[in-house]
Amino acid sequence: MKKSFLILPIILLMTLTLLVAQEQPPKNWFHLDPVLDSFTGVSTDRTYQQLLKGRKSTPIIVAVLDSGVDYEHEDLKNVMWINPGEIPGNGIDDDGNGYIDDVYGWNFIGGKDGQNVYHDTYEVTRLYKQLRPKYEDRNPASISKKEKKEYEKYLEYKKVIEDKLEELPPNVALYEATYNAIEALAKAIGKKPITLDDLKKFKSTDQMMMSAANLMINLMSSEGQSFENIQAEVKSAYDYYNNQLTYGYNEYFDPRPIIGDNIDDPYERYYGNNDVRGPDAEHGTHVAGIIAAERNNGIGMDGVASNVRIMSVRTVPDGDERDKDVANAIIYAVDNGAAVINMSFGKGASPDKPAVDKALRYARKKDVLIVHAAGNDAKENNGTNNFPNKKFKKKGLFGPKYADNWLEIGALNWQRGEKAAASFSNYSPQYVDLFAPGTAIYSTIPGSEYKNLQGTSMAAPVAAGVAATLRSYFPELTAKQVKDIMMKSVIPVSGKVKKPGSDELVNFNRLSVSGGVVNMYQAVELARQTKGKRKIAWPTRHVKPEPKVLP
């Protein structure tokens, strides 16, 4: 361990510069106007002040399919959807929708006894586990033509698992040693906050702690971050690699018995529990805040949309979501009145895609808009490498090939020019519709706290907030009309930008269908000129202008 730690100043200095922010934009940069301000935000504040002031809006529901939402957060508690058909805590399905005490939504990754799935495996691990008994001891020469494609997939999955199980242990050990050394250093200094001066004055005969002190001096000096922030980032990195090793790529780990459903039946509907917060709601709470954190209340931050209710549908563990849960979450959201569904998750395979497609067709029929994050692999989405997606596996006899109520969102960087596209964002001139702010996004996290996070997971709710605003202020517009308006009203990005994952300079229209960034001001302007086509209202029996006060 000591030998590994001594090389950390070289390795970690390179790694952690990717984890800690070098510069920080204003906390509200994604609300700013690209013409009036120096940041390419979505013009939220300008829109409310100039175009929507005095205009009536209709409260609508936005479903957040995610890891869970802290419904007691100071900036979210007044904007949470509350099911008026349920009497909280009586153990009865009062509204008869099949889900008992679903007050704020539903949790499809929980058990009847109140337990929750926290970690899960990746889809590649589950597929490998499924195929291994069939092909592990097979002679390649015995593989039939019919089996060949499946066998090649098995070999692909096997290589991924073996490579990960080889590369992860050193990373786990590296970050564990680093974190332990930083913890020991903090304990030895014995005060908070720890300053650069404290580190420079620190002396010890323990080489590990002196190396940790030097590392922290370098990082704090070059990155302008606090000791505590860097310490938290190192812990996050350790958790990330350790969870991959312990759970994600571990074929012997199976949390599904907690739920007690029949995992082989992708169309089973009624399972789970009503704990919509779950064991780790940071991601979902952050997403919810971007969409709808209470505006102009003088605390925390402002969400994009001003008159929506957040429905929490817990669907995503630490690991890959299951297709069955995604399908059921979509159906639940639609049946309970959602007008917009935000899905900030994705994976590389979808074994039960027909079940998800069926749910998407249902959402389309009910005029519900789906907003989905494009992914953070700096790769080109092609309809076969990132799921869920808008492309139906089977066209059907009369049905469409694509879901036209689907918006796929890439992540915009807060910096302009060549760095405009976030370096991690997936892209595609066919499968990614538009970009939205997705780096250094300040939003809500559990415990009435706030944090900067980045990812297409943050870009999607920015776009979902714009979509929700259009549906709230222009309820006559269909989901497809809202999508079309958002696509046609983007702000084009001029000049060439670095294609994510490379230094190649490309035109921005090479990265998305629209070639631009979502903009609320222009979208509202276009919406005012558009004649709506909606004839059937959403099932709004669960929408309340003001939430109930719960015990």
Protein backbone atom coordinates (compact mmCIF):
# COMPACT_ATOMS: atom_id res chain seq x y z
CA MET A 1 0.00 0.00 0.00
CA LYS A 2 2.80 2.44 0.80
CA LYS A 3 4.46 1.79 -2.56
CA SER A 4 1.15 2.43 -4.38
CA PHE A 5 0.60 5.61 -2.42
CA LEU A 6 3.99 7.04 -3.24
CA ILE A 7 3.08 7.17 -6.94
CA LEU A 8 -0.25 8.86 -6.22
CA PRO A 9 0.99 12.45 -6.62
CA ILE A 10 1.63 11.64 -10.29
CA ILE A 11 -1.39 9.46 -11.00
CA LEU A 12 -4.00 11.27 -8.99
CA LEU A 13 -2.95 14.72 -10.07
CA MET A 14 -3.85 13.63 -13.60
CA THR A 15 -7.06 11.85 -12.56
CA LEU A 16 -8.49 14.30 -10.09
CA THR A 17 -8.21 17.27 -12.42
CA LEU A 18 -11.06 15.56 -14.25
CA LEU A 19 -13.07 15.28 -11.05
CA VAL A 20 -12.72 18.72 -9.54
CA ALA A 21 -13.82 21.87 -11.31
CA GLN A 22 -11.17 24.20 -12.65
CA GLU A 23 -13.39 27.24 -13.04
CA GLN A 24 -16.96 27.76 -11.98
CA PRO A 25 -19.67 29.69 -13.83
CA PRO A 26 -22.45 31.48 -11.93
CA LYS A 27 -24.72 29.05 -10.11
CA ASN A 28 -27.65 30.12 -12.29
CA TRP A 29 -25.78 30.04 -15.60
CA PHE A 30 -28.21 27.60 -17.21
CA HIS A 31 -31.01 30.17 -16.69
CA LEU A 32 -29.10 32.99 -18.38
CA ASP A 33 -29.67 34.38 -21.86
CA PRO A 34 -27.13 33.72 -24.64
CA VAL A 35 -27.69 37.19 -26.11
CA LEU A 36 -27.90 39.35 -22.97
CA ASP A 37 -25.36 37.37 -20.92
CA SER A 38 -22.04 35.70 -21.62
CA PHE A 39 -23.36 32.17 -21.04
CA THR A 40 -25.47 29.97 -23.31
CA GLY A 41 -28.28 29.33 -20.87
CA VAL A 42 -31.86 28.68 -21.87
CA SER A 43 -33.18 32.23 -21.16
CA THR A 44 -35.44 31.11 -18.31
CA ASP A 45 -35.50 34.35 -16.34
CA ARG A 46 -35.86 36.54 -19.42
CA THR A 47 -38.81 34.43 -20.60
CA TYR A 48 -40.72 34.77 -17.34
CA GLN A 49 -40.04 38.50 -17.16
CA GLN A 50 -40.83 39.41 -20.76
CA LEU A 51 -43.11 36.77 -22.29
CA LEU A 52 -44.96 34.91 -19.55
CA LYS A 53 -45.56 37.66 -17.00
CA GLY A 54 -49.29 37.86 -16.33
CA ARG A 55 -50.11 34.83 -18.47
CA LYS A 56 -52.10 32.07 -16.80
CA SER A 57 -50.68 28.57 -16.56
CA THR A 58 -52.08 25.15 -15.77
CA PRO A 59 -50.36 22.97 -13.15
CA ILE A 60 -49.04 19.80 -14.76
CA ILE A 61 -47.21 16.72 -13.54
CA VAL A 62 -43.62 15.90 -14.48
CA ALA A 63 -42.62 12.36 -13.60
CA VAL A 64 -38.97 11.86 -12.59
CA LEU A 65 -38.00 8.26 -13.27
CA ASP A 66 -34.77 8.04 -11.32
CA SER A 67 -33.01 6.90 -8.13
CA GLY A 68 -35.58 8.62 -5.88
CA VAL A 69 -36.44 12.16 -4.79
CA ASP A 70 -36.15 13.76 -1.35
CA TYR A 71 -39.73 15.02 -1.15
CA GLU A 72 -38.99 16.84 2.11
CA HIS A 73 -36.27 19.04 0.60
CA GLU A 74 -36.82 22.70 1.42
CA ASP A 75 -36.86 23.66 -2.27
CA LEU A 76 -39.02 20.73 -3.44
CA LYS A 77 -41.59 20.01 -0.73
CA ASN A 78 -44.03 22.59 -2.13
CA VAL A 79 -43.78 21.32 -5.71
CA MET A 80 -44.16 17.58 -5.11
CA TRP A 81 -47.08 15.74 -6.63
CA ILE A 82 -49.36 14.42 -3.90
CA ASN A 83 -51.93 11.82 -4.83
CA PRO A 84 -55.27 13.19 -3.60
CA GLY A 85 -56.82 9.75 -4.02
CA GLU A 86 -54.68 8.22 -1.27
CA ILE A 87 -55.01 8.46 2.50
CA PRO A 88 -51.38 8.36 3.67
CA GLY A 89 -50.31 5.43 5.80
CA ASN A 90 -53.57 3.50 6.01
CA GLY A 91 -52.23 0.50 4.07
CA ILE A 92 -55.13 0.64 1.60
CA ASP A 93 -55.13 1.25 -2.15
CA ASP A 94 -57.67 4.06 -1.78
CA ASP A 95 -57.70 5.18 -5.41
CA GLY A 96 -57.72 1.63 -6.78
CA ASN A 97 -54.74 2.09 -9.10
CA GLY A 98 -53.03 -1.07 -7.84
CA TYR A 99 -50.45 0.67 -5.65
CA ILE A 100 -50.94 1.05 -1.92
CA ASP A 101 -50.21 4.43 -0.31
CA ASP A 102 -48.57 5.83 -3.45
CA VAL A 103 -48.65 9.35 -2.05
CA TYR A 104 -45.69 10.89 -3.93
CA GLY A 105 -45.30 8.23 -6.61
CA TRP A 106 -44.06 4.64 -6.58
CA ASN A 107 -40.88 2.62 -6.11
CA PHE A 108 -40.46 -0.25 -8.57
CA ILE A 109 -37.16 -1.35 -7.02
CA GLY A 110 -38.39 -1.99 -3.51
CA GLY A 111 -39.98 -4.91 -1.67
CA LYS A 112 -43.28 -5.26 0.16
CA ASP A 113 -41.44 -5.36 3.49
CA GLY A 114 -40.04 -1.88 2.90
CA GLN A 115 -36.55 -2.96 1.84
CA ASN A 116 -34.99 -1.34 -1.21
CA VAL A 117 -32.59 -2.29 -3.96
CA TYR A 118 -29.62 0.06 -3.69
CA HIS A 119 -26.98 -1.59 -5.90
CA ASP A 120 -27.53 -3.80 -8.92
CA THR A 121 -25.47 -5.38 -11.66
CA TYR A 122 -24.90 -3.96 -15.14
CA GLU A 123 -26.91 -5.35 -18.04
CA VAL A 124 -23.77 -6.78 -19.63
CA THR A 125 -23.16 -8.77 -16.44
CA ARG A 126 -26.69 -10.14 -16.43
CA LEU A 127 -26.48 -11.13 -20.10
CA TYR A 128 -23.10 -12.79 -19.57
CA LYS A 129 -24.47 -14.73 -16.59
CA GLN A 130 -27.42 -15.86 -18.68
CA LEU A 131 -25.29 -17.13 -21.58
CA ARG A 132 -22.29 -18.52 -19.71
CA PRO A 133 -23.81 -21.92 -18.81
CA LYS A 134 -24.69 -22.47 -22.46
CA TYR A 135 -21.34 -21.53 -24.02
CA GLU A 136 -18.64 -21.66 -21.32
CA ASP A 137 -17.43 -25.19 -22.14
CA ARG A 138 -18.51 -25.32 -25.76
CA ASN A 139 -16.09 -26.13 -28.53
CA PRO A 140 -16.31 -23.22 -30.99
CA ALA A 141 -16.43 -25.75 -33.81
CA SER A 142 -19.74 -27.05 -32.42
CA ILE A 143 -21.48 -23.69 -32.64
CA SER A 144 -24.31 -23.83 -35.18
CA LYS A 145 -25.13 -21.06 -37.63
CA LYS A 146 -28.25 -20.34 -35.62
CA GLU A 147 -26.19 -19.90 -32.45
CA LYS A 148 -23.33 -17.96 -33.99
CA LYS A 149 -24.67 -14.45 -33.35
CA GLU A 150 -25.55 -15.28 -29.76
CA TYR A 151 -22.16 -16.94 -29.21
CA GLU A 152 -20.36 -13.84 -30.52
CA LYS A 153 -22.36 -11.74 -28.06
CA TYR A 154 -21.33 -14.10 -25.28
CA LEU A 155 -17.66 -13.65 -26.19
CA GLU A 156 -18.15 -9.88 -26.28
CA TYR A 157 -19.76 -9.87 -22.83
CA LYS A 158 -17.11 -12.22 -21.47
CA LYS A 159 -14.30 -9.93 -22.59
CA VAL A 160 -15.96 -6.91 -20.98
CA ILE A 161 -16.35 -8.73 -17.67
CA GLU A 162 -12.85 -10.17 -17.65
CA ASP A 163 -11.26 -6.84 -18.60
CA LYS A 164 -13.17 -5.03 -15.88
CA LEU A 165 -12.34 -7.59 -13.22
CA GLU A 166 -8.69 -7.15 -14.10
CA GLU A 167 -8.57 -3.34 -14.23
CA LEU A 168 -10.86 -2.49 -11.30
CA PRO A 169 -8.92 -3.93 -8.30
CA PRO A 170 -5.88 -1.63 -8.78
CA ASN A 171 -8.18 1.42 -9.05
CA VAL A 172 -10.07 0.37 -5.93
CA ALA A 173 -6.82 -0.09 -4.03
CA LEU A 174 -5.45 3.22 -5.32
CA TYR A 175 -8.41 5.30 -4.24
CA GLU A 176 -8.89 3.42 -0.99
CA ALA A 177 -5.30 4.13 -0.02
CA THR A 178 -5.64 7.76 -1.04
CA TYR A 179 -8.86 8.26 0.85
CA ASN A 180 -7.52 6.58 3.99
CA ALA A 181 -4.40 8.75 3.87
CA ILE A 182 -6.46 11.94 3.44
CA GLU A 183 -8.72 10.86 6.32
CA ALA A 184 -5.67 10.24 8.53
CA LEU A 185 -4.26 13.61 7.50
CA ALA A 186 -7.51 15.40 8.37
CA LYS A 187 -7.62 13.66 11.75
CA ALA A 188 -3.99 14.58 12.47
CA ILE A 189 -4.57 18.26 11.65
CA GLY A 190 -7.73 18.16 13.76
CA LYS A 191 -9.61 21.27 12.57
CA LYS A 192 -12.21 22.35 10.03
CA PRO A 193 -11.96 23.78 7.50
CA ILE A 194 -8.41 22.74 6.63
CA THR A 195 -6.56 25.52 4.78
CA LEU A 196 -3.51 25.62 2.55
CA ASP A 197 -1.64 27.18 5.46
CA ASP A 198 -2.53 24.21 7.68
CA LEU A 199 -1.16 21.81 5.09
CA LYS A 200 2.04 23.76 4.51
CA LYS A 201 2.74 23.82 8.24
CA PHE A 202 1.97 20.14 8.71
CA LYS A 203 4.93 17.90 9.60
CA SER A 204 5.00 14.15 10.17
CA THR A 205 7.40 11.24 10.06
CA ASP A 206 4.66 9.22 8.34
CA GLN A 207 5.55 9.24 4.63
CA MET A 208 1.96 8.42 3.62
CA MET A 209 0.54 11.46 5.37
CA MET A 210 3.27 13.75 4.05
CA SER A 211 2.54 12.51 0.52
CA ALA A 212 -1.15 13.15 1.11
CA ALA A 213 -0.40 16.65 2.36
CA ASN A 214 1.70 17.42 -0.73
CA LEU A 215 -1.01 16.04 -2.99
CA MET A 216 -3.67 18.20 -1.36
CA ILE A 217 -1.44 21.29 -1.53
CA ASN A 218 -0.99 20.76 -5.26
CA LEU A 219 -4.69 20.18 -5.90
CA MET A 220 -5.91 23.03 -3.73
CA SER A 221 -3.39 25.44 -5.28
CA SER A 222 -4.05 24.49 -8.90
CA GLU A 223 -7.80 23.84 -8.77
CA GLY A 224 -8.94 26.37 -6.19
CA GLN A 225 -10.99 23.72 -4.38
CA SER A 226 -11.37 23.20 -0.67
CA PHE A 227 -9.78 20.32 1.23
CA GLU A 228 -13.23 18.98 2.05
CA ASN A 229 -14.42 19.06 -1.58
CA ILE A 230 -11.38 17.17 -2.82
CA GLN A 231 -11.73 14.68 0.03
CA ALA A 232 -15.35 14.08 -1.01
CA GLU A 233 -14.35 13.63 -4.66
CA VAL A 234 -11.73 11.01 -3.74
CA LYS A 235 -14.36 9.18 -1.68
CA SER A 236 -16.76 9.34 -4.64
CA ALA A 237 -14.10 7.91 -6.94
CA TYR A 238 -13.41 5.08 -4.50
CA ASP A 239 -17.12 4.30 -4.18
CA TYR A 240 -17.51 4.38 -7.95
CA TYR A 241 -14.78 1.83 -8.64
CA ASN A 242 -15.55 -0.30 -5.59
CA ASN A 243 -19.25 -0.52 -6.44
CA GLN A 244 -18.41 -1.58 -9.98
CA LEU A 245 -16.19 -4.35 -8.65
CA THR A 246 -18.45 -5.45 -5.79
CA TYR A 247 -21.79 -5.17 -7.55
CA GLY A 248 -21.81 -3.95 -11.16
CA TYR A 249 -19.59 -6.60 -12.77
CA ASN A 250 -20.17 -9.30 -10.16
CA GLU A 251 -22.29 -12.02 -11.76
CA TYR A 252 -22.91 -13.63 -8.37
CA PHE A 253 -24.58 -10.55 -6.92
CA ASP A 254 -28.38 -10.55 -7.22
CA PRO A 255 -30.53 -8.07 -5.26
CA ARG A 256 -33.75 -8.92 -7.07
CA PRO A 257 -35.12 -11.28 -4.37
CA ILE A 258 -35.65 -8.13 -2.27
CA ILE A 259 -38.45 -7.15 -4.65
CA GLY A 260 -40.07 -10.56 -4.82
CA ASP A 261 -41.38 -10.21 -8.38
CA ASN A 262 -41.15 -12.68 -11.23
CA ILE A 263 -38.19 -11.24 -13.10
CA ASP A 264 -38.90 -13.56 -16.05
CA ASP A 265 -42.23 -11.84 -16.65
CA PRO A 266 -41.52 -8.40 -18.18
CA TYR A 267 -45.23 -7.54 -18.21
CA GLU A 268 -45.92 -8.10 -14.51
CA ARG A 269 -47.29 -4.84 -13.17
CA TYR A 270 -47.93 -4.72 -9.44
CA TYR A 271 -44.85 -4.94 -7.22
CA GLY A 272 -42.59 -2.56 -5.28
CA ASN A 273 -43.35 -0.17 -2.42
CA ASN A 274 -44.14 3.49 -1.78
CA ASP A 275 -40.65 4.60 -0.65
CA VAL A 276 -39.96 7.05 -3.47
CA ARG A 277 -36.84 8.46 -1.80
CA GLY A 278 -34.90 5.22 -1.32
CA PRO A 279 -31.39 4.76 0.09
CA ASP A 280 -29.59 7.18 -2.26
CA ALA A 281 -31.72 9.92 -3.79
CA GLU A 282 -28.94 12.36 -4.76
CA HIS A 283 -29.24 11.88 -8.52
CA GLY A 284 -33.04 11.99 -8.65
CA THR A 285 -33.28 14.92 -6.24
CA HIS A 286 -30.78 16.87 -8.33
CA VAL A 287 -32.80 16.16 -11.47
CA ALA A 288 -36.07 17.18 -9.78
CA GLY A 289 -34.57 20.48 -8.62
CA ILE A 290 -33.41 21.40 -12.12
CA ILE A 291 -36.92 20.87 -13.44
CA ALA A 292 -38.97 22.49 -10.73
CA ALA A 293 -37.24 23.68 -7.55
CA GLU A 294 -39.56 26.37 -6.19
CA ARG A 295 -38.89 29.61 -8.02
CA ASN A 296 -38.42 32.97 -6.33
CA ASN A 297 -38.68 31.67 -2.77
CA GLY A 298 -35.37 33.22 -1.78
CA ILE A 299 -33.65 29.94 -0.93
CA GLY A 300 -31.39 27.52 -2.75
CA MET A 301 -31.95 27.74 -6.48
CA ASP A 302 -34.72 28.14 -9.04
CA GLY A 303 -35.98 25.34 -11.24
CA VAL A 304 -36.77 25.88 -14.91
CA ALA A 305 -40.55 25.33 -14.69
CA SER A 306 -42.81 27.38 -12.45
CA ASN A 307 -46.10 25.53 -12.20
CA VAL A 308 -45.49 21.79 -12.16
CA ARG A 309 -45.68 18.96 -9.66
CA ILE A 310 -42.87 16.44 -9.41
CA MET A 311 -43.91 12.78 -9.30
CA SER A 312 -41.11 10.50 -8.10
CA VAL A 313 -41.02 7.04 -9.69
CA ARG A 314 -38.03 5.16 -8.32
CA THR A 315 -36.63 3.06 -11.15
CA VAL A 316 -32.82 3.34 -11.20
CA PRO A 317 -30.42 1.61 -8.77
CA ASP A 318 -26.67 2.07 -8.53
CA GLY A 319 -26.13 -0.14 -11.56
CA ASP A 320 -28.26 -0.67 -14.65
CA GLU A 321 -32.01 -0.27 -14.53
CA ARG A 322 -34.14 -3.24 -15.59
CA ASP A 323 -36.33 -2.94 -18.70
CA LYS A 324 -39.32 -4.28 -16.78
CA ASP A 325 -39.06 -1.52 -14.17
CA VAL A 326 -38.64 1.17 -16.83
CA ALA A 327 -41.74 -0.03 -18.69
CA ASN A 328 -43.82 -0.13 -15.52
CA ALA A 329 -42.56 3.28 -14.40
CA ILE A 330 -43.63 4.84 -17.70
CA ILE A 331 -47.07 3.24 -17.50
CA TYR A 332 -47.50 4.33 -13.88
CA ALA A 333 -46.54 7.92 -14.72
CA VAL A 334 -48.93 8.04 -17.67
CA ASP A 335 -51.84 6.49 -15.76
CA ASN A 336 -51.41 8.95 -12.91
CA GLY A 337 -51.45 12.09 -15.00
CA ALA A 338 -47.88 12.93 -16.07
CA ALA A 339 -47.62 15.27 -19.05
CA VAL A 340 -43.81 15.04 -19.23
CA ILE A 341 -41.55 12.15 -18.18
CA ASN A 342 -37.85 12.74 -17.52
CA MET A 343 -35.53 9.73 -17.87
CA SER A 344 -31.91 10.52 -16.98
CA PHE A 345 -30.49 7.02 -17.35
CA GLY A 346 -29.34 4.58 -19.99
CA LYS A 347 -27.42 1.40 -20.77
CA GLY A 348 -25.86 -0.48 -23.66
CA ALA A 349 -28.34 -3.35 -24.06
CA SER A 350 -32.08 -3.89 -23.69
CA PRO A 351 -33.09 -7.58 -23.55
CA ASP A 352 -36.75 -6.78 -22.85
CA LYS A 353 -37.04 -3.83 -25.23
CA PRO A 354 -40.49 -4.94 -26.51
CA ALA A 355 -41.90 -4.29 -23.02
CA VAL A 356 -40.35 -0.80 -22.97
CA ASP A 357 -41.58 -0.13 -26.50
CA LYS A 358 -45.10 -1.11 -25.49
CA ALA A 359 -44.96 1.41 -22.64
CA LEU A 360 -43.62 4.10 -24.99
CA ARG A 361 -46.44 3.47 -27.45
CA TYR A 362 -48.86 3.84 -24.55
CA ALA A 363 -47.29 7.17 -23.56
CA ARG A 364 -47.48 8.28 -27.18
CA LYS A 365 -51.16 7.34 -27.39
CA LYS A 366 -51.84 9.31 -24.21
CA ASP A 367 -49.95 12.36 -25.54
CA VAL A 368 -47.14 12.28 -22.94
CA LEU A 369 -43.73 13.72 -23.82
CA ILE A 370 -40.62 11.64 -22.98
CA VAL A 371 -37.32 13.47 -22.36
CA HIS A 372 -34.25 11.22 -22.22
CA ALA A 373 -30.55 11.79 -21.50
CA ALA A 374 -28.28 10.80 -24.39
CA GLY A 375 -25.55 9.28 -22.20
CA ASN A 376 -22.05 10.17 -21.03
CA ASP A 377 -19.77 7.88 -23.03
CA ALA A 378 -18.58 10.45 -25.60
CA LYS A 379 -19.86 8.15 -28.33
CA GLU A 380 -22.23 8.40 -31.28
CA ASN A 381 -25.63 6.91 -30.54
CA ASN A 382 -26.84 4.77 -33.43
CA GLY A 383 -30.08 3.18 -32.27
CA THR A 384 -28.40 -0.05 -31.18
CA ASN A 385 -25.84 1.02 -28.56
CA ASN A 386 -27.82 3.13 -26.08
CA PHE A 387 -31.12 2.24 -24.45
CA PRO A 388 -33.90 3.08 -24.01
CA ASN A 389 -34.32 4.93 -27.27
CA LYS A 390 -36.99 6.19 -29.63
CA LYS A 391 -36.53 3.42 -32.22
CA PHE A 392 -39.08 0.65 -31.85
CA LYS A 393 -37.68 -2.86 -32.18
CA LYS A 394 -40.65 -3.91 -34.29
CA LYS A 395 -42.59 -1.49 -36.44
CA GLY A 396 -45.89 -3.32 -36.07
CA LEU A 397 -48.58 -3.62 -38.69
CA PHE A 398 -49.65 0.02 -38.77
CA GLY A 399 -47.52 1.67 -36.11
CA PRO A 400 -44.62 4.10 -36.50
CA LYS A 401 -40.95 3.09 -36.52
CA TYR A 402 -39.97 5.84 -34.06
CA ALA A 403 -41.61 7.45 -31.05
CA ASP A 404 -42.38 11.02 -32.14
CA ASN A 405 -43.07 12.02 -28.51
CA TRP A 406 -39.40 11.44 -27.61
CA LEU A 407 -36.66 14.05 -27.07
CA GLU A 408 -33.04 12.88 -26.74
CA ILE A 409 -30.77 15.41 -25.04
CA GLY A 410 -27.00 15.96 -25.26
CA ALA A 411 -25.00 18.03 -22.76
CA LEU A 412 -23.77 21.57 -23.41
CA ASN A 413 -20.71 22.89 -21.61
CA TRP A 414 -20.88 26.24 -19.82
CA GLN A 415 -17.84 27.36 -21.81
CA ARG A 416 -18.38 28.66 -25.33
CA GLY A 417 -16.31 28.22 -28.47
CA GLU A 418 -14.58 24.93 -29.24
CA LYS A 419 -15.53 23.52 -25.82
CA ALA A 420 -19.27 24.14 -26.25
CA ALA A 421 -20.16 20.45 -26.37
CA ALA A 422 -19.49 18.71 -23.05
CA SER A 423 -16.49 16.43 -23.51
CA PHE A 424 -18.39 13.41 -22.13
CA SER A 425 -21.67 13.82 -24.00
CA ASN A 426 -23.02 11.29 -26.46
CA TYR A 427 -24.07 12.76 -29.79
CA SER A 428 -25.69 11.86 -33.10
CA PRO A 429 -27.06 13.74 -36.11
CA GLN A 430 -29.91 11.22 -36.13
CA TYR A 431 -30.58 10.06 -32.56
CA VAL A 432 -29.74 13.10 -30.39
CA ASP A 433 -32.32 15.84 -30.91
CA LEU A 434 -30.79 18.87 -29.21
CA PHE A 435 -28.37 19.96 -26.52
CA ALA A 436 -29.03 21.60 -23.15
CA PRO A 437 -26.79 22.89 -20.33
CA GLY A 438 -25.20 19.90 -18.59
CA THR A 439 -21.99 20.93 -16.79
CA ALA A 440 -21.60 22.66 -13.42
CA ILE A 441 -25.35 22.50 -12.81
CA TYR A 442 -26.22 23.66 -9.29
CA SER A 443 -29.28 21.93 -7.89
CA THR A 444 -30.92 20.21 -4.96
CA ILE A 445 -29.59 17.11 -3.17
CA PRO A 446 -31.03 15.27 -0.14
CA GLY A 447 -31.08 16.91 3.26
CA SER A 448 -32.04 20.37 1.93
CA GLU A 449 -28.56 20.81 0.49
CA TYR A 450 -27.24 21.78 -2.96
CA LYS A 451 -24.44 20.66 -5.22
CA ASN A 452 -22.90 21.03 -8.67
CA LEU A 453 -23.21 17.92 -10.85
CA GLN A 454 -22.68 17.32 -14.52
CA GLY A 455 -23.89 14.92 -17.19
CA THR A 456 -26.55 14.48 -19.81
CA SER A 457 -28.55 13.49 -16.71
CA MET A 458 -28.56 17.20 -15.86
CA ALA A 459 -29.14 18.37 -19.45
CA ALA A 460 -32.30 16.29 -19.87
CA PRO A 461 -34.17 17.92 -16.95
CA VAL A 462 -33.25 21.39 -18.24
CA ALA A 463 -35.00 20.45 -21.48
CA ALA A 464 -37.81 18.74 -19.55
CA GLY A 465 -38.33 21.96 -17.61
CA VAL A 466 -38.70 23.91 -20.85
CA ALA A 467 -41.11 21.29 -22.19
CA ALA A 468 -43.11 21.41 -18.96
CA THR A 469 -43.33 25.20 -19.19
CA LEU A 470 -44.73 24.96 -22.71
CA ARG A 471 -47.27 22.32 -21.66
CA SER A 472 -48.23 24.40 -18.63
CA TYR A 473 -48.68 27.75 -20.40
CA PHE A 474 -49.92 26.31 -23.71
CA PRO A 475 -51.93 23.22 -22.70
CA GLU A 476 -53.55 22.99 -26.12
CA LEU A 477 -50.24 21.89 -27.66
CA THR A 478 -49.68 18.18 -28.23
CA ALA A 479 -46.52 16.39 -27.12
CA LYS A 480 -45.36 16.23 -30.73
CA GLN A 481 -46.01 19.95 -31.20
CA VAL A 482 -43.98 20.74 -28.06
CA LYS A 483 -41.12 18.62 -29.37
CA ASP A 484 -41.27 20.29 -32.80
CA ILE A 485 -41.33 23.77 -31.24
CA MET A 486 -38.31 22.99 -29.08
CA MET A 487 -36.43 21.61 -32.09
CA LYS A 488 -37.25 24.56 -34.35
CA SER A 489 -36.49 27.21 -31.73
CA VAL A 490 -32.97 26.12 -30.74
CA ILE A 491 -30.08 28.56 -30.61
CA PRO A 492 -27.58 27.44 -33.27
CA VAL A 493 -23.97 27.04 -32.18
CA SER A 494 -21.70 28.86 -34.62
CA GLY A 495 -18.18 27.82 -35.49
CA LYS A 496 -16.64 24.43 -34.99
CA VAL A 497 -16.59 22.55 -31.69
CA LYS A 498 -14.61 19.61 -30.39
CA LYS A 499 -16.44 16.38 -31.00
CA PRO A 500 -16.87 14.76 -27.58
CA GLY A 501 -14.11 12.30 -26.81
CA SER A 502 -11.68 13.77 -29.33
CA ASP A 503 -9.94 16.92 -30.51
CA GLU A 504 -11.60 16.75 -33.92
CA LEU A 505 -13.37 19.99 -34.78
CA VAL A 506 -16.84 19.58 -36.30
CA ASN A 507 -19.89 21.69 -37.00
CA PHE A 508 -22.44 21.48 -34.19
CA ASN A 509 -25.05 20.08 -36.56
CA ARG A 510 -22.89 16.95 -36.72
CA LEU A 511 -23.76 16.33 -33.07
CA SER A 512 -27.56 16.56 -33.10
CA VAL A 513 -30.62 16.63 -35.34
CA SER A 514 -31.42 20.27 -34.63
CA GLY A 515 -27.82 21.49 -34.47
CA GLY A 516 -28.56 23.75 -31.54
CA VAL A 517 -29.32 24.38 -27.87
CA VAL A 518 -32.79 24.47 -26.33
CA ASN A 519 -34.03 28.00 -25.61
CA MET A 520 -37.17 28.78 -23.63
CA TYR A 521 -37.56 32.35 -24.91
CA GLN A 522 -37.61 31.35 -28.56
CA ALA A 523 -39.73 28.29 -27.80
CA VAL A 524 -42.40 30.41 -26.07
CA GLU A 525 -42.33 32.91 -28.95
CA LEU A 526 -42.97 30.07 -31.40
CA ALA A 527 -45.59 28.48 -29.16
CA ARG A 528 -47.56 31.75 -29.14
CA GLN A 529 -47.76 31.51 -32.94
CA THR A 530 -48.72 27.82 -33.02
CA LYS A 531 -52.31 26.59 -33.12
CA GLY A 532 -52.75 23.74 -30.68
CA LYS A 533 -54.21 20.37 -31.67
CA ARG A 534 -54.98 18.78 -28.32
CA LYS A 535 -58.57 17.67 -27.88
CA ILE A 536 -58.32 15.20 -25.01
CA ALA A 537 -57.04 16.43 -21.65
CA TRP A 538 -54.45 14.59 -19.59
CA PRO A 539 -55.93 12.50 -16.77
CA THR A 540 -55.43 15.36 -14.33
CA ARG A 541 -57.45 13.95 -11.44
CA HIS A 542 -54.21 13.83 -9.45
CA VAL A 543 -53.14 17.44 -10.08
CA LYS A 544 -53.59 19.96 -7.28
CA PRO A 545 -52.56 23.65 -7.50
CA GLU A 546 -51.44 23.45 -3.88
CA PRO A 547 -50.19 20.27 -2.18
CA LYS A 548 -51.82 18.85 0.91
CA VAL A 549 -50.09 19.09 4.25
CA LEU A 550 -49.16 15.60 5.36
CA PRO A 551 -48.64 14.47 8.94
